[in-house]
Amino acid sequence: MSAVEKNNLHQRNRHRSRYDFPSLIKALPELAEVVYVNNHNDESIDFADPESVKLLNKAILKSFYKIKYWDIPDGYLCPPIPGRADYIHYVADLIGVETKNIQVLDIGVGANCVYPIIGQFEYAWKFVGSDIDPKALGNAQKIIDENKLKEFIELRQQPTLTNIFQGVIRESDHFDLSICNPPFHASEAEAAAGTNRKLKNLGLASRARKWPTLNFGGQSGELWVKGGEFEFVKKMIIESAHFSEQCLWFTSLISKRENVGGLEDQIKNLNAKQFKIIEMSQGQKSSRILAWSFKGKNK
């Protein structure tokens, strides 16, 4: 079967072609246990099954990014690797793919540590990853240790639930970039509704009641926060002004297009010098990166 490119992914994204299951199974033989031939005569997995998705991620990370060990605790967010890679490649364009010695702050690194893994492999970036959840940080540290990535990835716990940059960025720190995959939802109920929409998009609407509420994984801090995405990123923007000399570009994923206008107003009110919206899409899902800087000028 010839590979079909996913033309909506970034041109440098290694995952533009359909999943090559024979190659992935060669990298991780246990993946074979969950691969089946679907009604279209294509090899696939059950994307509504957390364990199947975890095995797919393990195979992808091992095959493409040379990660020998990767795992996450039950119930934690199991991210789609192609989408995470897209974010990294688009922000690489923002700061310049040829730029060396890049320092990146990952807000909410999570138990999976996926953004630092991809950024280090693709561009040799160094990362500081922060999170409020000590269990997530402990798991991420094990991934770092097992794959000998200590030289490239440092973890820090955010000590205060209501802070984002404060308490993480130190006086001696200078970052070229901050990235964030914010909690998109305002409540657990809203997050559960999002899961059901995902099931419908996968053609599995009839199974919504048969699976755990959040069968794609995710803790409260990963999926929902009071005020939802808008309030979280608004808080991030306000805090960023206090660290304007210590980070060149601040960025965040934005899932809801209707949030962009209000967040843009917030950025302008703080007299940021540059503001960009970078559109992304993966399959039926569209999202965007919001980026702002207090240095330089908009062209």
Protein backbone atom coordinates (compact mmCIF):
# COMPACT_ATOMS: atom_id res chain seq x y z
CA MET A 1 0.00 0.00 0.00
CA SER A 2 1.44 3.40 -0.91
CA ALA A 3 1.85 5.97 1.85
CA VAL A 4 -0.70 8.78 1.82
CA GLU A 5 0.62 12.10 3.06
CA LYS A 6 -1.26 14.15 5.63
CA ASN A 7 -0.72 17.43 3.82
CA ASN A 8 -2.17 19.49 6.65
CA LEU A 9 0.79 18.68 8.91
CA HIS A 10 3.98 20.75 8.91
CA GLN A 11 6.32 19.88 6.05
CA ARG A 12 9.07 18.78 8.45
CA ASN A 13 6.74 16.62 10.53
CA ARG A 14 7.93 12.99 10.39
CA HIS A 15 4.34 11.79 10.67
CA ARG A 16 2.87 13.12 7.43
CA SER A 17 2.42 9.59 6.11
CA ARG A 18 -0.05 7.05 7.43
CA TYR A 19 1.16 4.90 10.28
CA ASP A 20 3.52 2.22 8.95
CA PHE A 21 2.41 -0.53 11.31
CA PRO A 22 4.90 -3.18 10.09
CA SER A 23 7.78 -0.81 10.87
CA LEU A 24 6.25 0.23 14.18
CA ILE A 25 5.73 -3.40 15.16
CA LYS A 26 9.35 -4.11 14.30
CA ALA A 27 10.34 -1.36 16.73
CA LEU A 28 7.86 -2.55 19.40
CA PRO A 29 6.68 -6.15 18.82
CA GLU A 30 3.93 -5.99 21.49
CA LEU A 31 2.10 -3.43 19.34
CA ALA A 32 1.11 -6.34 17.09
CA GLU A 33 -1.31 -7.52 19.78
CA VAL A 34 -3.58 -4.50 19.28
CA VAL A 35 -3.28 -3.93 15.51
CA TYR A 36 -6.19 -5.16 13.39
CA VAL A 37 -7.51 -4.76 9.83
CA ASN A 38 -10.50 -2.40 9.74
CA ASN A 39 -13.48 -2.23 7.38
CA HIS A 40 -11.42 -0.27 4.85
CA ASN A 41 -8.85 -3.09 4.73
CA ASP A 42 -6.30 -0.88 6.49
CA GLU A 43 -4.23 -1.76 9.52
CA SER A 44 -5.25 0.26 12.56
CA ILE A 45 -5.69 0.23 16.32
CA ASP A 46 -8.64 1.05 18.57
CA PHE A 47 -7.99 4.75 19.19
CA ALA A 48 -10.60 4.74 21.95
CA ASP A 49 -8.58 2.22 23.98
CA PRO A 50 -5.98 3.92 26.23
CA GLU A 51 -3.65 0.92 26.28
CA SER A 52 -3.62 0.63 22.49
CA VAL A 53 -2.84 4.34 22.14
CA LYS A 54 -0.07 4.04 24.73
CA LEU A 55 1.52 1.16 22.81
CA LEU A 56 1.30 3.16 19.57
CA ASN A 57 3.03 6.10 21.27
CA LYS A 58 5.76 3.84 22.63
CA ALA A 59 6.37 2.46 19.15
CA ILE A 60 6.41 5.93 17.54
CA LEU A 61 8.79 7.37 20.12
CA LYS A 62 11.11 4.39 19.82
CA SER A 63 11.03 4.24 16.02
CA PHE A 64 11.28 7.97 15.23
CA TYR A 65 12.91 9.56 18.28
CA LYS A 66 15.16 6.76 19.64
CA ILE A 67 13.34 6.65 22.98
CA LYS A 68 14.01 3.23 24.48
CA TYR A 69 11.81 3.69 27.54
CA TRP A 70 8.51 5.59 27.74
CA ASP A 71 5.45 5.05 29.89
CA ILE A 72 2.82 7.08 31.75
CA PRO A 73 0.75 6.25 34.85
CA ASP A 74 -2.84 5.12 34.36
CA GLY A 75 -5.19 8.05 33.88
CA TYR A 76 -2.57 10.52 32.66
CA LEU A 77 -2.71 12.29 29.31
CA CYS A 78 -1.50 10.18 26.39
CA PRO A 79 -0.77 12.79 23.73
CA PRO A 80 -1.03 12.36 19.95
CA ILE A 81 2.59 12.49 18.78
CA PRO A 82 1.95 13.99 15.28
CA GLY A 83 0.15 16.98 16.77
CA ARG A 84 2.83 17.55 19.40
CA ALA A 85 5.49 17.41 16.70
CA ASP A 86 3.60 20.02 14.67
CA TYR A 87 3.76 22.51 17.54
CA ILE A 88 7.52 22.01 17.84
CA HIS A 89 8.12 22.49 14.12
CA TYR A 90 5.98 25.62 13.87
CA VAL A 91 7.67 27.32 16.81
CA ALA A 92 11.03 26.31 15.31
CA ASP A 93 10.03 28.42 12.30
CA LEU A 94 9.17 31.25 14.70
CA ILE A 95 12.63 31.40 16.27
CA GLY A 96 14.61 30.13 13.28
CA VAL A 97 15.42 26.50 12.63
CA GLU A 98 19.14 27.22 12.26
CA THR A 99 19.42 29.04 15.58
CA LYS A 100 21.73 27.23 18.00
CA ASN A 101 21.74 26.84 21.79
CA ILE A 102 18.01 27.31 22.13
CA GLN A 103 16.55 27.25 25.65
CA VAL A 104 12.86 26.35 25.96
CA LEU A 105 10.44 26.45 28.88
CA ASP A 106 7.63 23.88 28.69
CA ILE A 107 4.75 24.93 30.93
CA GLY A 108 2.91 21.77 32.01
CA VAL A 109 5.43 19.22 30.80
CA GLY A 110 3.22 16.44 32.16
CA ALA A 111 4.04 12.84 32.87
CA ASN A 112 4.68 12.16 29.17
CA CYS A 113 7.55 14.67 28.55
CA VAL A 114 6.77 14.54 24.83
CA TYR A 115 7.52 18.13 23.80
CA PRO A 116 11.09 18.05 25.22
CA ILE A 117 11.70 14.64 23.64
CA ILE A 118 10.74 15.90 20.18
CA GLY A 119 12.41 19.30 20.50
CA GLN A 120 15.67 17.83 21.71
CA PHE A 121 15.76 15.17 19.00
CA GLU A 122 14.80 17.44 16.10
CA TYR A 123 16.67 20.63 16.98
CA ALA A 124 18.99 19.85 19.94
CA TRP A 125 17.04 22.32 22.11
CA LYS A 126 17.49 22.31 25.87
CA PHE A 127 14.37 22.35 28.05
CA VAL A 128 13.10 23.27 31.45
CA GLY A 129 9.80 21.51 32.05
CA SER A 130 7.46 22.65 34.82
CA ASP A 131 4.37 21.08 36.35
CA ILE A 132 2.26 21.34 39.51
CA ASP A 133 1.89 17.55 39.81
CA PRO A 134 4.77 15.78 41.61
CA LYS A 135 3.67 12.37 40.32
CA ALA A 136 3.78 13.64 36.73
CA LEU A 137 7.24 15.11 37.30
CA GLY A 138 8.45 11.86 38.87
CA ASN A 139 7.34 9.90 35.83
CA ALA A 140 8.85 12.44 33.42
CA GLN A 141 12.13 12.27 35.36
CA LYS A 142 12.21 8.51 34.94
CA ILE A 143 11.78 8.93 31.16
CA ILE A 144 14.65 11.44 31.18
CA ASP A 145 16.90 9.20 33.28
CA GLU A 146 16.21 6.00 31.35
CA ASN A 147 16.95 7.71 28.03
CA LYS A 148 20.02 9.62 29.27
CA LEU A 149 18.50 13.04 28.59
CA LYS A 150 19.57 14.79 31.82
CA GLU A 151 21.93 17.04 29.89
CA PHE A 152 19.03 18.38 27.84
CA ILE A 153 15.94 18.37 30.08
CA GLU A 154 15.54 19.80 33.58
CA LEU A 155 12.31 19.54 35.57
CA ARG A 156 10.93 22.03 38.10
CA GLN A 157 7.81 21.86 40.22
CA GLN A 158 5.47 24.84 40.20
CA PRO A 159 4.89 25.37 43.93
CA THR A 160 1.76 27.53 43.64
CA LEU A 161 -1.39 26.35 41.89
CA THR A 162 -2.35 29.85 40.74
CA ASN A 163 1.04 30.74 39.22
CA ILE A 164 2.43 29.89 35.80
CA PHE A 165 5.84 31.52 35.30
CA GLN A 166 6.27 32.90 38.83
CA GLY A 167 8.11 30.37 40.97
CA VAL A 168 9.53 28.54 37.93
CA ILE A 169 11.61 31.15 36.08
CA ARG A 170 14.74 32.02 38.09
CA GLU A 171 16.69 35.28 38.02
CA SER A 172 19.51 33.72 36.01
CA ASP A 173 17.19 32.13 33.39
CA HIS A 174 16.97 33.31 29.80
CA PHE A 175 14.66 31.43 27.42
CA ASP A 176 14.27 31.81 23.69
CA LEU A 177 10.81 30.28 23.83
CA SER A 178 8.07 29.12 26.16
CA ILE A 179 5.49 26.55 25.05
CA CYS A 180 2.27 25.36 26.64
CA ASN A 181 -0.55 22.93 25.98
CA PRO A 182 -3.08 24.52 28.39
CA PRO A 183 -6.03 22.82 30.07
CA PHE A 184 -8.74 23.47 27.49
CA HIS A 185 -11.88 22.87 29.54
CA ALA A 186 -13.57 24.71 32.40
CA SER A 187 -14.88 21.60 34.20
CA GLU A 188 -14.74 17.81 34.31
CA ALA A 189 -18.17 17.66 32.64
CA GLU A 190 -16.91 19.80 29.75
CA ALA A 191 -13.84 17.57 29.41
CA ALA A 192 -16.07 14.47 29.32
CA ALA A 193 -18.16 16.07 26.57
CA GLY A 194 -14.93 16.65 24.66
CA THR A 195 -14.11 12.96 24.96
CA ASN A 196 -17.50 12.05 23.51
CA ARG A 197 -16.89 14.38 20.57
CA LYS A 198 -13.58 12.62 19.94
CA LEU A 199 -15.36 9.27 19.95
CA LYS A 200 -17.88 10.56 17.41
CA ASN A 201 -15.07 11.84 15.20
CA LEU A 202 -13.56 8.36 15.36
CA GLY A 203 -16.89 6.83 14.39
CA LEU A 204 -17.26 5.30 17.86
CA ALA A 205 -20.16 7.31 19.25
CA SER A 206 -22.01 4.14 20.28
CA ARG A 207 -19.16 3.28 22.65
CA ALA A 208 -19.17 6.56 24.57
CA ARG A 209 -21.11 5.11 27.50
CA LYS A 210 -19.03 1.95 27.68
CA TRP A 211 -15.70 3.62 28.36
CA PRO A 212 -14.31 5.64 31.25
CA THR A 213 -15.32 9.30 31.16
CA LEU A 214 -11.86 10.38 30.07
CA ASN A 215 -10.71 7.42 28.03
CA PHE A 216 -8.05 9.50 26.30
CA GLY A 217 -6.47 10.10 29.70
CA GLY A 218 -5.77 13.25 31.61
CA GLN A 219 -5.74 14.59 35.15
CA SER A 220 -7.66 17.68 36.22
CA GLY A 221 -4.66 19.98 35.73
CA GLU A 222 -4.09 18.58 32.26
CA LEU A 223 -7.65 18.86 30.97
CA TRP A 224 -9.64 21.42 32.92
CA VAL A 225 -9.17 24.49 35.10
CA LYS A 226 -11.51 27.13 36.48
CA GLY A 227 -12.33 29.53 33.67
CA GLY A 228 -11.06 27.11 31.03
CA GLU A 229 -8.52 27.82 28.37
CA PHE A 230 -9.27 31.53 28.11
CA GLU A 231 -8.65 32.34 31.76
CA PHE A 232 -5.54 30.16 31.93
CA VAL A 233 -3.89 31.77 28.90
CA LYS A 234 -5.02 35.24 30.03
CA LYS A 235 -3.21 34.61 33.31
CA MET A 236 -0.18 33.42 31.35
CA ILE A 237 -0.16 36.60 29.27
CA ILE A 238 -0.39 38.84 32.35
CA GLU A 239 2.46 36.99 34.08
CA SER A 240 4.59 37.00 30.93
CA ALA A 241 4.92 40.79 31.10
CA HIS A 242 6.88 40.40 34.35
CA PHE A 243 9.39 38.15 32.56
CA SER A 244 9.61 40.11 29.31
CA GLU A 245 13.41 40.38 29.54
CA GLN A 246 13.89 36.68 30.24
CA CYS A 247 11.99 35.10 27.36
CA LEU A 248 11.98 36.12 23.71
CA TRP A 249 8.77 34.38 22.55
CA PHE A 250 5.87 33.23 24.70
CA THR A 251 3.52 30.74 23.02
CA SER A 252 0.49 28.62 23.81
CA LEU A 253 -1.82 26.29 21.98
CA ILE A 254 -5.37 27.64 21.61
CA SER A 255 -8.08 25.11 20.81
CA LYS A 256 -11.07 27.46 20.64
CA ARG A 257 -10.92 30.06 17.91
CA GLU A 258 -13.41 32.29 19.73
CA ASN A 259 -10.82 32.83 22.47
CA VAL A 260 -8.25 34.43 20.18
CA GLY A 261 -9.77 37.92 19.97
CA GLY A 262 -9.94 38.49 23.71
CA LEU A 263 -6.45 37.12 24.25
CA GLU A 264 -5.11 39.34 21.48
CA ASP A 265 -6.63 42.34 23.26
CA GLN A 266 -4.92 41.30 26.48
CA ILE A 267 -1.56 41.08 24.71
CA LYS A 268 -2.01 44.51 23.13
CA ASN A 269 -2.98 46.03 26.48
CA LEU A 270 0.39 44.93 27.84
CA ASN A 271 2.21 46.61 24.93
CA ALA A 272 3.75 43.47 23.48
CA LYS A 273 5.86 44.30 20.43
CA GLN A 274 5.00 41.19 18.39
CA PHE A 275 1.92 39.02 18.08
CA LYS A 276 1.29 36.05 15.79
CA ILE A 277 -1.37 33.39 15.26
CA ILE A 278 -0.08 30.19 13.65
CA GLU A 279 -2.82 27.95 12.26
CA MET A 280 -2.47 24.17 12.54
CA SER A 281 -4.68 21.20 11.67
CA GLN A 282 -4.59 17.45 12.06
CA GLY A 283 -7.34 15.39 10.47
CA GLN A 284 -10.68 16.88 11.52
CA LYS A 285 -9.10 18.86 14.34
CA SER A 286 -7.93 22.44 13.92
CA SER A 287 -6.02 24.49 16.46
CA ARG A 288 -3.60 27.37 16.55
CA ILE A 289 -0.54 28.67 18.32
CA LEU A 290 -0.76 32.07 19.95
CA ALA A 291 2.68 33.74 20.10
CA TRP A 292 3.74 37.08 21.55
CA SER A 293 6.96 38.89 22.36
CA PHE A 294 7.93 42.06 24.19
CA LYS A 295 11.01 42.43 22.00
CA GLY A 296 11.38 43.55 18.38
CA LYS A 297 8.60 44.91 16.21
CA ASN A 298 5.80 43.44 14.12
CA LYS A 299 6.64 43.61 10.41
